[in-house]
Amino acid sequence: MITDDEDEEREESSCPFCGSTGDCPHLLLLVDKTFQEVSGGVLFDAFNARLSSDDISFDELLDEVDSLADAYDRYNFEDGPGSSSTYEVYYVSSAARAKKAKSVFAAGSKRP
């Protein structure tokens, strides 16, 4: 899995496959770890659905996402005093892999 230098101070992530800093076909899931919320990505709806219906924790679901991802990044976003968050971003190498990961994740399987 590709990871960026976690000591580097950044307030956004760029896709390791296309360089985008926003939504792209490689974005599997964008997670605000501080508040345990998902903010975007192809797994956004499936993650929220499983979190509300499955007897599984937020971190256990993230472990499943991590097993499906080809790349991972982590950064801190500072939005004023007392308003910072740590974000984790999961990517896949292609739109086809994103589609397959969505299907596998929605079904509740940990295997790609």
C-alpha atoms as a PDB file:
ATOM      1  CA  MET A   1       0.000   0.000   0.000  1.00  0.00           C
ATOM      2  CA  ILE A   2       1.265   3.489  -0.853  1.00  0.00           C
ATOM      3  CA  THR A   3       1.482   5.913   2.041  1.00  0.00           C
ATOM      4  CA  ASP A   4       2.661   9.487   2.231  1.00  0.00           C
ATOM      5  CA  ASP A   5       5.018  10.765   4.890  1.00  0.00           C
ATOM      6  CA  GLU A   6       2.741  11.137   7.924  1.00  0.00           C
ATOM      7  CA  ASP A   7       5.071  13.703   9.515  1.00  0.00           C
ATOM      8  CA  GLU A   8       4.495  16.121   6.651  1.00  0.00           C
ATOM      9  CA  GLU A   9       2.111  18.946   7.576  1.00  0.00           C
ATOM     10  CA  ARG A  10      -0.618  19.207   4.918  1.00  0.00           C
ATOM     11  CA  GLU A  11      -4.276  20.185   4.858  1.00  0.00           C
ATOM     12  CA  GLU A  12      -5.339  18.091   1.871  1.00  0.00           C
ATOM     13  CA  SER A  13      -4.526  14.877   0.101  1.00  0.00           C
ATOM     14  CA  SER A  14      -3.728  14.323  -3.535  1.00  0.00           C
ATOM     15  CA  CYS A  15      -4.569  11.127  -5.354  1.00  0.00           C
ATOM     16  CA  PRO A  16      -1.431   9.046  -5.884  1.00  0.00           C
ATOM     17  CA  PHE A  17      -2.849   7.847  -9.214  1.00  0.00           C
ATOM     18  CA  CYS A  18      -4.100  11.038 -10.913  1.00  0.00           C
ATOM     19  CA  GLY A  19      -2.933  13.893  -8.652  1.00  0.00           C
ATOM     20  CA  SER A  20      -6.443  15.239  -7.985  1.00  0.00           C
ATOM     21  CA  THR A  21      -7.068  16.950  -4.644  1.00  0.00           C
ATOM     22  CA  GLY A  22     -10.835  16.511  -4.928  1.00  0.00           C
ATOM     23  CA  ASP A  23     -13.208  13.773  -5.944  1.00  0.00           C
ATOM     24  CA  CYS A  24     -11.740  11.460  -8.543  1.00  0.00           C
ATOM     25  CA  PRO A  25     -12.546   7.935  -9.752  1.00  0.00           C
ATOM     26  CA  HIS A  26      -9.843   6.554  -7.442  1.00  0.00           C
ATOM     27  CA  LEU A  27     -11.296   7.961  -4.191  1.00  0.00           C
ATOM     28  CA  LEU A  28     -12.625   5.039  -2.198  1.00  0.00           C
ATOM     29  CA  LEU A  29     -13.354   6.840   1.080  1.00  0.00           C
ATOM     30  CA  LEU A  30     -12.548  10.134   2.812  1.00  0.00           C
ATOM     31  CA  VAL A  31     -12.861   9.856   6.601  1.00  0.00           C
ATOM     32  CA  ASP A  32     -12.790  12.441   9.376  1.00  0.00           C
ATOM     33  CA  LYS A  33     -11.213  10.299  12.105  1.00  0.00           C
ATOM     34  CA  THR A  34     -11.613  12.986  14.769  1.00  0.00           C
ATOM     35  CA  PHE A  35     -15.406  12.973  14.512  1.00  0.00           C
ATOM     36  CA  GLN A  36     -15.749   9.459  13.041  1.00  0.00           C
ATOM     37  CA  GLU A  37     -17.593  10.647   9.951  1.00  0.00           C
ATOM     38  CA  VAL A  38     -17.220   9.809   6.290  1.00  0.00           C
ATOM     39  CA  SER A  39     -17.025  12.792   3.970  1.00  0.00           C
ATOM     40  CA  GLY A  40     -16.890  11.342   0.468  1.00  0.00           C
ATOM     41  CA  GLY A  41     -15.796   8.629  -1.898  1.00  0.00           C
ATOM     42  CA  VAL A  42     -17.389   5.745  -3.767  1.00  0.00           C
ATOM     43  CA  LEU A  43     -18.026   3.862  -0.494  1.00  0.00           C
ATOM     44  CA  PHE A  44     -19.759   6.821   1.218  1.00  0.00           C
ATOM     45  CA  ASP A  45     -23.329   5.471   1.011  1.00  0.00           C
ATOM     46  CA  ALA A  46     -22.385   1.823   1.616  1.00  0.00           C
ATOM     47  CA  PHE A  47     -20.241   2.750   4.632  1.00  0.00           C
ATOM     48  CA  ASN A  48     -23.043   4.758   6.247  1.00  0.00           C
ATOM     49  CA  ALA A  49     -25.605   2.039   5.485  1.00  0.00           C
ATOM     50  CA  ARG A  50     -23.466  -0.686   7.041  1.00  0.00           C
ATOM     51  CA  LEU A  51     -22.586   1.486  10.036  1.00  0.00           C
ATOM     52  CA  SER A  52     -26.263   2.051  10.814  1.00  0.00           C
ATOM     53  CA  SER A  53     -27.452  -1.500  10.118  1.00  0.00           C
ATOM     54  CA  ASP A  54     -24.579  -3.910  10.838  1.00  0.00           C
ATOM     55  CA  ASP A  55     -23.398  -4.787  14.312  1.00  0.00           C
ATOM     56  CA  ILE A  56     -19.908  -3.495  13.505  1.00  0.00           C
ATOM     57  CA  SER A  57     -17.834  -0.590  14.762  1.00  0.00           C
ATOM     58  CA  PHE A  58     -16.581   2.375  12.775  1.00  0.00           C
ATOM     59  CA  ASP A  59     -12.993   1.145  13.100  1.00  0.00           C
ATOM     60  CA  GLU A  60     -13.891  -2.393  12.014  1.00  0.00           C
ATOM     61  CA  LEU A  61     -15.502  -0.982   8.874  1.00  0.00           C
ATOM     62  CA  LEU A  62     -12.376   1.079   8.234  1.00  0.00           C
ATOM     63  CA  ASP A  63     -10.311  -2.097   8.489  1.00  0.00           C
ATOM     64  CA  GLU A  64     -12.448  -3.543   5.681  1.00  0.00           C
ATOM     65  CA  VAL A  65     -11.970  -0.398   3.595  1.00  0.00           C
ATOM     66  CA  ASP A  66      -8.220  -0.567   4.184  1.00  0.00           C
ATOM     67  CA  SER A  67      -8.158  -4.180   2.951  1.00  0.00           C
ATOM     68  CA  LEU A  68      -9.786  -3.049  -0.315  1.00  0.00           C
ATOM     69  CA  ALA A  69      -7.600   0.035  -0.858  1.00  0.00           C
ATOM     70  CA  ASP A  70      -4.484   0.265  -2.996  1.00  0.00           C
ATOM     71  CA  ALA A  71      -3.279   3.474  -1.329  1.00  0.00           C
ATOM     72  CA  TYR A  72      -3.814   5.384   1.896  1.00  0.00           C
ATOM     73  CA  ASP A  73      -3.055   8.893   3.084  1.00  0.00           C
ATOM     74  CA  ARG A  74      -3.489  10.767   6.362  1.00  0.00           C
ATOM     75  CA  TYR A  75      -3.417  14.512   6.996  1.00  0.00           C
ATOM     76  CA  ASN A  76      -4.523  17.128   9.514  1.00  0.00           C
ATOM     77  CA  PHE A  77      -6.929  19.914   8.653  1.00  0.00           C
ATOM     78  CA  GLU A  78      -6.724  23.026  10.820  1.00  0.00           C
ATOM     79  CA  ASP A  79      -9.824  25.232  10.772  1.00  0.00           C
ATOM     80  CA  GLY A  80      -9.091  27.554  13.665  1.00  0.00           C
ATOM     81  CA  PRO A  81      -8.594  26.965  17.390  1.00  0.00           C
ATOM     82  CA  GLY A  82     -10.355  23.823  18.577  1.00  0.00           C
ATOM     83  CA  SER A  83     -11.548  22.993  15.069  1.00  0.00           C
ATOM     84  CA  SER A  84      -8.981  20.625  13.665  1.00  0.00           C
ATOM     85  CA  SER A  85      -9.532  17.141  12.315  1.00  0.00           C
ATOM     86  CA  THR A  86      -7.407  14.224  11.228  1.00  0.00           C
ATOM     87  CA  TYR A  87      -8.463  12.816   7.869  1.00  0.00           C
ATOM     88  CA  GLU A  88      -7.732   9.430   6.379  1.00  0.00           C
ATOM     89  CA  VAL A  89      -8.110   8.877   2.641  1.00  0.00           C
ATOM     90  CA  TYR A  90      -8.325   5.525   0.870  1.00  0.00           C
ATOM     91  CA  TYR A  91      -7.707   5.137  -2.871  1.00  0.00           C
ATOM     92  CA  VAL A  92      -7.888   2.397  -5.504  1.00  0.00           C
ATOM     93  CA  SER A  93      -5.858   2.285  -8.694  1.00  0.00           C
ATOM     94  CA  SER A  94      -8.749   2.382 -11.176  1.00  0.00           C
ATOM     95  CA  ALA A  95     -12.448   3.068 -11.618  1.00  0.00           C
ATOM     96  CA  ALA A  96     -12.958  -0.656 -12.260  1.00  0.00           C
ATOM     97  CA  ARG A  97     -11.353  -1.499  -8.902  1.00  0.00           C
ATOM     98  CA  ALA A  98     -13.553   1.146  -7.230  1.00  0.00           C
ATOM     99  CA  LYS A  99     -16.666  -0.488  -8.684  1.00  0.00           C
ATOM    100  CA  LYS A 100     -15.553  -3.941  -7.522  1.00  0.00           C
ATOM    101  CA  ALA A 101     -14.612  -2.638  -4.049  1.00  0.00           C
ATOM    102  CA  LYS A 102     -18.049  -1.017  -3.733  1.00  0.00           C
ATOM    103  CA  SER A 103     -19.764  -4.292  -4.566  1.00  0.00           C
ATOM    104  CA  VAL A 104     -17.592  -6.309  -2.172  1.00  0.00           C
ATOM    105  CA  PHE A 105     -17.923  -3.772   0.651  1.00  0.00           C
ATOM    106  CA  ALA A 106     -21.701  -3.429   0.299  1.00  0.00           C
ATOM    107  CA  ALA A 107     -21.988  -7.222   0.545  1.00  0.00           C
ATOM    108  CA  GLY A 108     -20.040  -7.173   3.785  1.00  0.00           C
ATOM    109  CA  SER A 109     -17.045  -9.183   2.622  1.00  0.00           C
ATOM    110  CA  LYS A 110     -13.475  -8.328   3.549  1.00  0.00           C
ATOM    111  CA  ARG A 111     -12.000  -9.885   0.389  1.00  0.00           C
ATOM    112  CA  PRO A 112     -11.426  -7.842  -2.788  1.00  0.00           C
END
